[in-house]
Amino acid sequence: MTARYRWTSEDVARRAAEHYLAQCARRDARYNYECACIRFKERRGIEHVDVADASFRRSTRKAYVAYQHARRLEYNAARRLETAIRGSEVFREVSRAHAR
């Protein structure tokens, strides 16, 4: 059996900081995408957008791709944080005490 990595509190804190930064980046990317959508509507003088409209997709493509990428990075950071928490000594102690 292979030895499991012992996650320290510093490791968990580093992963938490990475997750927080990924959340901030996702929020920024979402804001940029929403701004791109608003600019498209203002240029066209319309209130509602048909998301299947090719011109809308072309106009907002970069912002949308950046937003999807930021969402993926946030999801991955959350999974890495979860792994670090589950592998930490503190989590093991708490889960043992909770099981009693």
PDB file of N, CA and C in Angstrom:
ATOM      1  N   MET A   1       0.850  -1.181   0.000  1.00  0.00           N
ATOM      2  CA  MET A   1       0.000   0.000   0.000  1.00  0.00           C
ATOM      3  C   MET A   1       0.893   1.242   0.000  1.00  0.00           C
ATOM      4  N   THR A   2       0.543   2.215  -0.797  1.00  0.00           N
ATOM      5  CA  THR A   2       1.346   3.430  -0.868  1.00  0.00           C
ATOM      6  C   THR A   2       0.940   4.384   0.245  1.00  0.00           C
ATOM      7  N   ALA A   3       1.908   5.163   0.683  1.00  0.00           N
ATOM      8  CA  ALA A   3       1.646   6.145   1.736  1.00  0.00           C
ATOM      9  C   ALA A   3       0.846   7.306   1.165  1.00  0.00           C
ATOM     10  N   ARG A   4      -0.082   7.810   1.948  1.00  0.00           N
ATOM     11  CA  ARG A   4      -0.885   8.955   1.526  1.00  0.00           C
ATOM     12  C   ARG A   4      -0.183  10.238   1.913  1.00  0.00           C
ATOM     13  N   TYR A   5      -0.323  11.237   1.093  1.00  0.00           N
ATOM     14  CA  TYR A   5       0.271  12.538   1.385  1.00  0.00           C
ATOM     15  C   TYR A   5      -0.459  13.153   2.567  1.00  0.00           C
ATOM     16  N   ARG A   6       0.288  13.687   3.496  1.00  0.00           N
ATOM     17  CA  ARG A   6      -0.299  14.359   4.655  1.00  0.00           C
ATOM     18  C   ARG A   6      -0.382  15.854   4.363  1.00  0.00           C
ATOM     19  N   TRP A   7      -1.574  16.323   4.149  1.00  0.00           N
ATOM     20  CA  TRP A   7      -1.782  17.734   3.857  1.00  0.00           C
ATOM     21  C   TRP A   7      -1.646  18.541   5.134  1.00  0.00           C
ATOM     22  N   THR A   8      -0.814  19.575   5.118  1.00  0.00           N
ATOM     23  CA  THR A   8      -0.645  20.445   6.280  1.00  0.00           C
ATOM     24  C   THR A   8      -1.672  21.566   6.229  1.00  0.00           C
ATOM     25  N   SER A   9      -1.774  22.278   7.325  1.00  0.00           N
ATOM     26  CA  SER A   9      -2.684  23.432   7.369  1.00  0.00           C
ATOM     27  C   SER A   9      -2.261  24.482   6.350  1.00  0.00           C
ATOM     28  N   GLU A  10      -0.951  24.610   6.137  1.00  0.00           N
ATOM     29  CA  GLU A  10      -0.456  25.569   5.151  1.00  0.00           C
ATOM     30  C   GLU A  10      -0.883  25.165   3.734  1.00  0.00           C
ATOM     31  N   ASP A  11      -0.851  23.866   3.461  1.00  0.00           N
ATOM     32  CA  ASP A  11      -1.305  23.378   2.150  1.00  0.00           C
ATOM     33  C   ASP A  11      -2.782  23.707   1.936  1.00  0.00           C
ATOM     34  N   VAL A  12      -3.566  23.456   2.963  1.00  0.00           N
ATOM     35  CA  VAL A  12      -5.007  23.723   2.868  1.00  0.00           C
ATOM     36  C   VAL A  12      -5.244  25.220   2.690  1.00  0.00           C
ATOM     37  N   ALA A  13      -4.504  26.035   3.431  1.00  0.00           N
ATOM     38  CA  ALA A  13      -4.657  27.487   3.312  1.00  0.00           C
ATOM     39  C   ALA A  13      -4.274  27.961   1.915  1.00  0.00           C
ATOM     40  N   ARG A  14      -3.208  27.391   1.352  1.00  0.00           N
ATOM     41  CA  ARG A  14      -2.787  27.764  -0.002  1.00  0.00           C
ATOM     42  C   ARG A  14      -3.869  27.390  -1.017  1.00  0.00           C
ATOM     43  N   ARG A  15      -4.437  26.208  -0.862  1.00  0.00           N
ATOM     44  CA  ARG A  15      -5.508  25.787  -1.773  1.00  0.00           C
ATOM     45  C   ARG A  15      -6.747  26.671  -1.601  1.00  0.00           C
ATOM     46  N   ALA A  16      -7.028  27.078  -0.371  1.00  0.00           N
ATOM     47  CA  ALA A  16      -8.175  27.965  -0.131  1.00  0.00           C
ATOM     48  C   ALA A  16      -7.951  29.318  -0.805  1.00  0.00           C
ATOM     49  N   ALA A  17      -6.722  29.818  -0.735  1.00  0.00           N
ATOM     50  CA  ALA A  17      -6.410  31.093  -1.386  1.00  0.00           C
ATOM     51  C   ALA A  17      -6.535  30.954  -2.901  1.00  0.00           C
ATOM     52  N   GLU A  18      -6.070  29.839  -3.452  1.00  0.00           N
ATOM     53  CA  GLU A  18      -6.196  29.601  -4.887  1.00  0.00           C
ATOM     54  C   GLU A  18      -7.668  29.551  -5.296  1.00  0.00           C
ATOM     55  N   HIS A  19      -8.489  28.919  -4.468  1.00  0.00           N
ATOM     56  CA  HIS A  19      -9.924  28.836  -4.769  1.00  0.00           C
ATOM     57  C   HIS A  19     -10.558  30.218  -4.727  1.00  0.00           C
ATOM     58  N   TYR A  20     -10.187  31.009  -3.738  1.00  0.00           N
ATOM     59  CA  TYR A  20     -10.730  32.358  -3.627  1.00  0.00           C
ATOM     60  C   TYR A  20     -10.368  33.195  -4.856  1.00  0.00           C
ATOM     61  N   LEU A  21      -9.101  33.104  -5.280  1.00  0.00           N
ATOM     62  CA  LEU A  21      -8.670  33.854  -6.460  1.00  0.00           C
ATOM     63  C   LEU A  21      -9.407  33.378  -7.713  1.00  0.00           C
ATOM     64  N   ALA A  22      -9.661  32.077  -7.800  1.00  0.00           N
ATOM     65  CA  ALA A  22     -10.409  31.540  -8.941  1.00  0.00           C
ATOM     66  C   ALA A  22     -11.849  32.054  -8.925  1.00  0.00           C
ATOM     67  N   GLN A  23     -12.433  32.178  -7.736  1.00  0.00           N
ATOM     68  CA  GLN A  23     -13.785  32.730  -7.631  1.00  0.00           C
ATOM     69  C   GLN A  23     -13.810  34.180  -8.106  1.00  0.00           C
ATOM     70  N   CYS A  24     -12.813  34.953  -7.684  1.00  0.00           N
ATOM     71  CA  CYS A  24     -12.733  36.361  -8.111  1.00  0.00           C
ATOM     72  C   CYS A  24     -12.580  36.458  -9.622  1.00  0.00           C
ATOM     73  N   ALA A  25     -11.749  35.610 -10.202  1.00  0.00           N
ATOM     74  CA  ALA A  25     -11.542  35.620 -11.648  1.00  0.00           C
ATOM     75  C   ALA A  25     -12.829  35.245 -12.376  1.00  0.00           C
ATOM     76  N   ARG A  26     -13.589  34.284 -11.829  1.00  0.00           N
ATOM     77  CA  ARG A  26     -14.856  33.894 -12.447  1.00  0.00           C
ATOM     78  C   ARG A  26     -15.860  35.036 -12.387  1.00  0.00           C
ATOM     79  N   ARG A  27     -15.913  35.733 -11.255  1.00  0.00           N
ATOM     80  CA  ARG A  27     -16.832  36.865 -11.134  1.00  0.00           C
ATOM     81  C   ARG A  27     -16.479  37.959 -12.143  1.00  0.00           C
ATOM     82  N   ASP A  28     -15.179  38.240 -12.280  1.00  0.00           N
ATOM     83  CA  ASP A  28     -14.739  39.246 -13.242  1.00  0.00           C
ATOM     84  C   ASP A  28     -15.106  38.837 -14.667  1.00  0.00           C
ATOM     85  N   ALA A  29     -14.879  37.570 -14.990  1.00  0.00           N
ATOM     86  CA  ALA A  29     -15.187  37.081 -16.340  1.00  0.00           C
ATOM     87  C   ALA A  29     -16.685  37.145 -16.596  1.00  0.00           C
ATOM     88  N   ARG A  30     -17.483  36.833 -15.594  1.00  0.00           N
ATOM     89  CA  ARG A  30     -18.946  36.913 -15.741  1.00  0.00           C
ATOM     90  C   ARG A  30     -19.368  38.361 -15.996  1.00  0.00           C
ATOM     91  N   TYR A  31     -18.772  39.270 -15.231  1.00  0.00           N
ATOM     92  CA  TYR A  31     -19.082  40.690 -15.402  1.00  0.00           C
ATOM     93  C   TYR A  31     -18.723  41.150 -16.817  1.00  0.00           C
ATOM     94  N   ASN A  32     -17.558  40.746 -17.305  1.00  0.00           N
ATOM     95  CA  ASN A  32     -17.131  41.122 -18.654  1.00  0.00           C
ATOM     96  C   ASN A  32     -18.077  40.555 -19.712  1.00  0.00           C
ATOM     97  N   TYR A  33     -18.539  39.323 -19.504  1.00  0.00           N
ATOM     98  CA  TYR A  33     -19.497  38.727 -20.450  1.00  0.00           C
ATOM     99  C   TYR A  33     -20.820  39.491 -20.428  1.00  0.00           C
ATOM    100  N   GLU A  34     -21.289  39.832 -19.227  1.00  0.00           N
ATOM    101  CA  GLU A  34     -22.541  40.586 -19.131  1.00  0.00           C
ATOM    102  C   GLU A  34     -22.400  41.956 -19.797  1.00  0.00           C
ATOM    103  N   CYS A  35     -21.250  42.589 -19.631  1.00  0.00           N
ATOM    104  CA  CYS A  35     -21.013  43.879 -20.281  1.00  0.00           C
ATOM    105  C   CYS A  35     -21.024  43.728 -21.805  1.00  0.00           C
ATOM    106  N   ALA A  36     -20.443  42.643 -22.298  1.00  0.00           N
ATOM    107  CA  ALA A  36     -20.450  42.394 -23.740  1.00  0.00           C
ATOM    108  C   ALA A  36     -21.878  42.213 -24.238  1.00  0.00           C
ATOM    109  N   CYS A  37     -22.702  41.537 -23.466  1.00  0.00           N
ATOM    110  CA  CYS A  37     -24.112  41.346 -23.845  1.00  0.00           C
ATOM    111  C   CYS A  37     -24.853  42.683 -23.869  1.00  0.00           C
ATOM    112  N   ILE A  38     -24.598  43.494 -22.881  1.00  0.00           N
ATOM    113  CA  ILE A  38     -25.254  44.803 -22.808  1.00  0.00           C
ATOM    114  C   ILE A  38     -24.823  45.681 -23.975  1.00  0.00           C
ATOM    115  N   ARG A  39     -23.517  45.679 -24.276  1.00  0.00           N
ATOM    116  CA  ARG A  39     -23.028  46.464 -25.419  1.00  0.00           C
ATOM    117  C   ARG A  39     -23.698  46.018 -26.716  1.00  0.00           C
ATOM    118  N   PHE A  40     -23.853  44.710 -26.892  1.00  0.00           N
ATOM    119  CA  PHE A  40     -24.507  44.189 -28.089  1.00  0.00           C
ATOM    120  C   PHE A  40     -25.942  44.707 -28.179  1.00  0.00           C
ATOM    121  N   LYS A  41     -26.663  44.640 -27.065  1.00  0.00           N
ATOM    122  CA  LYS A  41     -28.063  45.102 -27.070  1.00  0.00           C
ATOM    123  C   LYS A  41     -28.147  46.600 -27.333  1.00  0.00           C
ATOM    124  N   GLU A  42     -27.239  47.377 -26.767  1.00  0.00           N
ATOM    125  CA  GLU A  42     -27.270  48.829 -26.966  1.00  0.00           C
ATOM    126  C   GLU A  42     -26.952  49.200 -28.411  1.00  0.00           C
ATOM    127  N   ARG A  43     -25.980  48.514 -29.010  1.00  0.00           N
ATOM    128  CA  ARG A  43     -25.639  48.790 -30.410  1.00  0.00           C
ATOM    129  C   ARG A  43     -26.798  48.484 -31.340  1.00  0.00           C
ATOM    130  N   ARG A  44     -27.528  47.431 -31.037  1.00  0.00           N
ATOM    131  CA  ARG A  44     -28.644  47.012 -31.891  1.00  0.00           C
ATOM    132  C   ARG A  44     -29.944  47.728 -31.523  1.00  0.00           C
ATOM    133  N   GLY A  45     -29.979  48.336 -30.349  1.00  0.00           N
ATOM    134  CA  GLY A  45     -31.200  49.005 -29.919  1.00  0.00           C
ATOM    135  C   GLY A  45     -32.311  48.026 -29.588  1.00  0.00           C
ATOM    136  N   ILE A  46     -31.955  46.891 -28.986  1.00  0.00           N
ATOM    137  CA  ILE A  46     -32.939  45.871 -28.632  1.00  0.00           C
ATOM    138  C   ILE A  46     -32.915  45.637 -27.124  1.00  0.00           C
ATOM    139  N   GLU A  47     -33.992  45.042 -26.616  1.00  0.00           N
ATOM    140  CA  GLU A  47     -34.064  44.754 -25.189  1.00  0.00           C
ATOM    141  C   GLU A  47     -33.721  43.313 -24.866  1.00  0.00           C
ATOM    142  N   HIS A  48     -34.081  42.420 -25.757  1.00  0.00           N
ATOM    143  CA  HIS A  48     -33.844  40.996 -25.521  1.00  0.00           C
ATOM    144  C   HIS A  48     -32.975  40.419 -26.630  1.00  0.00           C
ATOM    145  N   VAL A  49     -32.177  39.439 -26.253  1.00  0.00           N
ATOM    146  CA  VAL A  49     -31.251  38.831 -27.205  1.00  0.00           C
ATOM    147  C   VAL A  49     -31.649  37.384 -27.435  1.00  0.00           C
ATOM    148  N   ASP A  50     -31.624  36.991 -28.686  1.00  0.00           N
ATOM    149  CA  ASP A  50     -31.782  35.579 -29.024  1.00  0.00           C
ATOM    150  C   ASP A  50     -30.381  34.978 -28.988  1.00  0.00           C
ATOM    151  N   VAL A  51     -30.107  34.125 -28.000  1.00  0.00           N
ATOM    152  CA  VAL A  51     -28.755  33.588 -27.835  1.00  0.00           C
ATOM    153  C   VAL A  51     -28.338  32.704 -29.002  1.00  0.00           C
ATOM    154  N   ALA A  52     -29.267  32.276 -29.812  1.00  0.00           N
ATOM    155  CA  ALA A  52     -28.938  31.479 -30.992  1.00  0.00           C
ATOM    156  C   ALA A  52     -28.528  32.361 -32.174  1.00  0.00           C
ATOM    157  N   ASP A  53     -28.667  33.678 -32.031  1.00  0.00           N
ATOM    158  CA  ASP A  53     -28.317  34.615 -33.092  1.00  0.00           C
ATOM    159  C   ASP A  53     -26.807  34.574 -33.331  1.00  0.00           C
ATOM    160  N   ALA A  54     -26.413  34.316 -34.561  1.00  0.00           N
ATOM    161  CA  ALA A  54     -24.998  34.174 -34.904  1.00  0.00           C
ATOM    162  C   ALA A  54     -24.221  35.458 -34.648  1.00  0.00           C
ATOM    163  N   SER A  55     -24.827  36.601 -34.930  1.00  0.00           N
ATOM    164  CA  SER A  55     -24.116  37.867 -34.710  1.00  0.00           C
ATOM    165  C   SER A  55     -23.888  38.116 -33.218  1.00  0.00           C
ATOM    166  N   PHE A  56     -24.830  37.706 -32.385  1.00  0.00           N
ATOM    167  CA  PHE A  56     -24.654  37.831 -30.934  1.00  0.00           C
ATOM    168  C   PHE A  56     -23.507  36.945 -30.471  1.00  0.00           C
ATOM    169  N   ARG A  57     -23.486  35.727 -30.953  1.00  0.00           N
ATOM    170  CA  ARG A  57     -22.416  34.792 -30.556  1.00  0.00           C
ATOM    171  C   ARG A  57     -21.049  35.290 -31.002  1.00  0.00           C
ATOM    172  N   ARG A  58     -20.973  35.825 -32.223  1.00  0.00           N
ATOM    173  CA  ARG A  58     -19.695  36.369 -32.703  1.00  0.00           C
ATOM    174  C   ARG A  58     -19.257  37.553 -31.851  1.00  0.00           C
ATOM    175  N   SER A  59     -20.205  38.382 -31.505  1.00  0.00           N
ATOM    176  CA  SER A  59     -19.909  39.605 -30.768  1.00  0.00           C
ATOM    177  C   SER A  59     -19.443  39.319 -29.335  1.00  0.00           C
ATOM    178  N   THR A  60     -19.947  38.269 -28.733  1.00  0.00           N
ATOM    179  CA  THR A  60     -19.646  37.987 -27.318  1.00  0.00           C
ATOM    180  C   THR A  60     -18.755  36.752 -27.136  1.00  0.00           C
ATOM    181  N   ARG A  61     -18.251  36.209 -28.234  1.00  0.00           N
ATOM    182  CA  ARG A  61     -17.521  34.933 -28.174  1.00  0.00           C
ATOM    183  C   ARG A  61     -16.319  34.963 -27.229  1.00  0.00           C
ATOM    184  N   LYS A  62     -15.449  35.953 -27.347  1.00  0.00           N
ATOM    185  CA  LYS A  62     -14.244  36.009 -26.508  1.00  0.00           C
ATOM    186  C   LYS A  62     -14.609  36.081 -25.028  1.00  0.00           C
ATOM    187  N   ALA A  63     -15.567  36.929 -24.699  1.00  0.00           N
ATOM    188  CA  ALA A  63     -15.972  37.081 -23.304  1.00  0.00           C
ATOM    189  C   ALA A  63     -16.610  35.799 -22.781  1.00  0.00           C
ATOM    190  N   TYR A  64     -17.402  35.137 -23.627  1.00  0.00           N
ATOM    191  CA  TYR A  64     -18.065  33.895 -23.212  1.00  0.00           C
ATOM    192  C   TYR A  64     -17.048  32.778 -22.991  1.00  0.00           C
ATOM    193  N   VAL A  65     -16.091  32.660 -23.899  1.00  0.00           N
ATOM    194  CA  VAL A  65     -15.051  31.627 -23.762  1.00  0.00           C
ATOM    195  C   VAL A  65     -14.227  31.887 -22.508  1.00  0.00           C
ATOM    196  N   ALA A  66     -13.897  33.142 -22.246  1.00  0.00           N
ATOM    197  CA  ALA A  66     -13.137  33.483 -21.037  1.00  0.00           C
ATOM    198  C   ALA A  66     -13.939  33.138 -19.782  1.00  0.00           C
ATOM    199  N   TYR A  67     -15.236  33.389 -19.816  1.00  0.00           N
ATOM    200  CA  TYR A  67     -16.094  33.058 -18.675  1.00  0.00           C
ATOM    201  C   TYR A  67     -16.159  31.548 -18.446  1.00  0.00           C
ATOM    202  N   GLN A  68     -16.325  30.781 -19.501  1.00  0.00           N
ATOM    203  CA  GLN A  68     -16.367  29.321 -19.365  1.00  0.00           C
ATOM    204  C   GLN A  68     -15.037  28.785 -18.841  1.00  0.00           C
ATOM    205  N   HIS A  69     -13.943  29.342 -19.303  1.00  0.00           N
ATOM    206  CA  HIS A  69     -12.619  28.928 -18.832  1.00  0.00           C
ATOM    207  C   HIS A  69     -12.468  29.237 -17.343  1.00  0.00           C
ATOM    208  N   ALA A  70     -12.899  30.419 -16.924  1.00  0.00           N
ATOM    209  CA  ALA A  70     -12.815  30.803 -15.514  1.00  0.00           C
ATOM    210  C   ALA A  70     -13.686  29.891 -14.646  1.00  0.00           C
ATOM    211  N   ARG A  71     -14.846  29.497 -15.164  1.00  0.00           N
ATOM    212  CA  ARG A  71     -15.708  28.573 -14.414  1.00  0.00           C
ATOM    213  C   ARG A  71     -15.020  27.232 -14.211  1.00  0.00           C
ATOM    214  N   ARG A  72     -14.362  26.740 -15.264  1.00  0.00           N
ATOM    215  CA  ARG A  72     -13.637  25.469 -15.163  1.00  0.00           C
ATOM    216  C   ARG A  72     -12.508  25.559 -14.154  1.00  0.00           C
ATOM    217  N   LEU A  73     -11.770  26.665 -14.186  1.00  0.00           N
ATOM    218  CA  LEU A  73     -10.667  26.844 -13.239  1.00  0.00           C
ATOM    219  C   LEU A  73     -11.184  26.910 -11.804  1.00  0.00           C
ATOM    220  N   GLU A  74     -12.312  27.572 -11.602  1.00  0.00           N
ATOM    221  CA  GLU A  74     -12.885  27.641 -10.258  1.00  0.00           C
ATOM    222  C   GLU A  74     -13.319  26.257  -9.781  1.00  0.00           C
ATOM    223  N   TYR A  75     -13.952  25.497 -10.655  1.00  0.00           N
ATOM    224  CA  TYR A  75     -14.392  24.151 -10.300  1.00  0.00           C
ATOM    225  C   TYR A  75     -13.185  23.286  -9.916  1.00  0.00           C
ATOM    226  N   ASN A  76     -12.129  23.354 -10.715  1.00  0.00           N
ATOM    227  CA  ASN A  76     -10.934  22.561 -10.427  1.00  0.00           C
ATOM    228  C   ASN A  76     -10.280  22.994  -9.121  1.00  0.00           C
ATOM    229  N   ALA A  77     -10.254  24.293  -8.860  1.00  0.00           N
ATOM    230  CA  ALA A  77      -9.677  24.791  -7.604  1.00  0.00           C
ATOM    231  C   ALA A  77     -10.497  24.303  -6.411  1.00  0.00           C
ATOM    232  N   ALA A  78     -11.814  24.267  -6.558  1.00  0.00           N
ATOM    233  CA  ALA A  78     -12.674  23.766  -5.478  1.00  0.00           C
ATOM    234  C   ALA A  78     -12.409  22.294  -5.213  1.00  0.00           C
ATOM    235  N   ARG A  79     -12.234  21.509  -6.267  1.00  0.00           N
ATOM    236  CA  ARG A  79     -11.931  20.079  -6.084  1.00  0.00           C
ATOM    237  C   ARG A  79     -10.573  19.892  -5.419  1.00  0.00           C
ATOM    238  N   ARG A  80      -9.566  20.697  -5.801  1.00  0.00           N
ATOM    239  CA  ARG A  80      -8.250  20.589  -5.171  1.00  0.00           C
ATOM    240  C   ARG A  80      -8.312  20.970  -3.697  1.00  0.00           C
ATOM    241  N   LEU A  81      -9.106  21.990  -3.377  1.00  0.00           N
ATOM    242  CA  LEU A  81      -9.278  22.382  -1.982  1.00  0.00           C
ATOM    243  C   LEU A  81      -9.947  21.270  -1.197  1.00  0.00           C
ATOM    244  N   GLU A  82     -10.972  20.680  -1.766  1.00  0.00           N
ATOM    245  CA  GLU A  82     -11.670  19.582  -1.102  1.00  0.00           C
ATOM    246  C   GLU A  82     -10.724  18.409  -0.835  1.00  0.00           C
ATOM    247  N   THR A  83      -9.884  18.091  -1.804  1.00  0.00           N
ATOM    248  CA  THR A  83      -8.910  17.009  -1.635  1.00  0.00           C
ATOM    249  C   THR A  83      -7.952  17.327  -0.499  1.00  0.00           C
ATOM    250  N   ALA A  84      -7.471  18.567  -0.454  1.00  0.00           N
ATOM    251  CA  ALA A  84      -6.540  18.964   0.607  1.00  0.00           C
ATOM    252  C   ALA A  84      -7.205  18.899   1.972  1.00  0.00           C
ATOM    253  N   ILE A  85      -8.457  19.318   2.049  1.00  0.00           N
ATOM    254  CA  ILE A  85      -9.169  19.282   3.333  1.00  0.00           C
ATOM    255  C   ILE A  85      -9.354  17.843   3.794  1.00  0.00           C
ATOM    256  N   ARG A  86      -9.800  16.985   2.888  1.00  0.00           N
ATOM    257  CA  ARG A  86     -10.015  15.583   3.261  1.00  0.00           C
ATOM    258  C   ARG A  86      -8.724  14.889   3.668  1.00  0.00           C
ATOM    259  N   GLY A  87      -7.591  15.323   3.116  1.00  0.00           N
ATOM    260  CA  GLY A  87      -6.313  14.701   3.439  1.00  0.00           C
ATOM    261  C   GLY A  87      -5.596  15.320   4.613  1.00  0.00           C
ATOM    262  N   SER A  88      -6.188  16.332   5.227  1.00  0.00           N
ATOM    263  CA  SER A  88      -5.516  17.021   6.333  1.00  0.00           C
ATOM    264  C   SER A  88      -5.725  16.280   7.647  1.00  0.00           C
ATOM    265  N   GLU A  89      -4.772  16.468   8.543  1.00  0.00           N
ATOM    266  CA  GLU A  89      -4.852  15.856   9.871  1.00  0.00           C
ATOM    267  C   GLU A  89      -6.054  16.386  10.648  1.00  0.00           C
ATOM    268  N   VAL A  90      -6.317  17.679  10.522  1.00  0.00           N
ATOM    269  CA  VAL A  90      -7.437  18.289  11.253  1.00  0.00           C
ATOM    270  C   VAL A  90      -8.746  17.621  10.846  1.00  0.00           C
ATOM    271  N   PHE A  91      -8.932  17.402   9.548  1.00  0.00           N
ATOM    272  CA  PHE A  91     -10.153  16.764   9.067  1.00  0.00           C
ATOM    273  C   PHE A  91     -10.262  15.340   9.623  1.00  0.00           C
ATOM    274  N   ARG A  92      -9.155  14.641   9.629  1.00  0.00           N
ATOM    275  CA  ARG A  92      -9.180  13.264  10.150  1.00  0.00           C
ATOM    276  C   ARG A  92      -9.547  13.237  11.624  1.00  0.00           C
ATOM    277  N   GLU A  93      -8.988  14.176  12.382  1.00  0.00           N
ATOM    278  CA  GLU A  93      -9.312  14.227  13.812  1.00  0.00           C
ATOM    279  C   GLU A  93     -10.783  14.556  14.019  1.00  0.00           C
ATOM    280  N   VAL A  94     -11.282  15.521  13.280  1.00  0.00           N
ATOM    281  CA  VAL A  94     -12.695  15.914  13.427  1.00  0.00           C
ATOM    282  C   VAL A  94     -13.615  14.779  12.984  1.00  0.00           C
ATOM    283  N   SER A  95     -13.281  14.113  11.889  1.00  0.00           N
ATOM    284  CA  SER A  95     -14.146  13.042  11.406  1.00  0.00           C
ATOM    285  C   SER A  95     -14.126  11.847  12.369  1.00  0.00           C
ATOM    286  N   ARG A  96     -12.975  11.576  13.002  1.00  0.00           N
ATOM    287  CA  ARG A  96     -12.918  10.506  14.005  1.00  0.00           C
ATOM    288  C   ARG A  96     -13.785  10.853  15.208  1.00  0.00           C
ATOM    289  N   ALA A  97     -13.687  12.113  15.661  1.00  0.00           N
ATOM    290  CA  ALA A  97     -14.466  12.539  16.823  1.00  0.00           C
ATOM    291  C   ALA A  97     -15.960  12.528  16.476  1.00  0.00           C
ATOM    292  N   HIS A  98     -16.292  12.885  15.256  1.00  0.00           N
ATOM    293  CA  HIS A  98     -17.698  12.918  14.835  1.00  0.00           C
ATOM    294  C   HIS A  98     -18.277  11.506  14.740  1.00  0.00           C
ATOM    295  N   ALA A  99     -17.438  10.539  14.385  1.00  0.00           N
ATOM    296  CA  ALA A  99     -17.909   9.171  14.219  1.00  0.00           C
ATOM    297  C   ALA A  99     -18.203   8.495  15.558  1.00  0.00           C
ATOM    298  N   ARG A 100     -17.636   9.021  16.607  1.00  0.00           N
ATOM    299  CA  ARG A 100     -17.838   8.393  17.939  1.00  0.00           C
ATOM    300  C   ARG A 100     -19.206   8.613  18.485  1.00  0.00           C
TER     301      ARG A 100
END
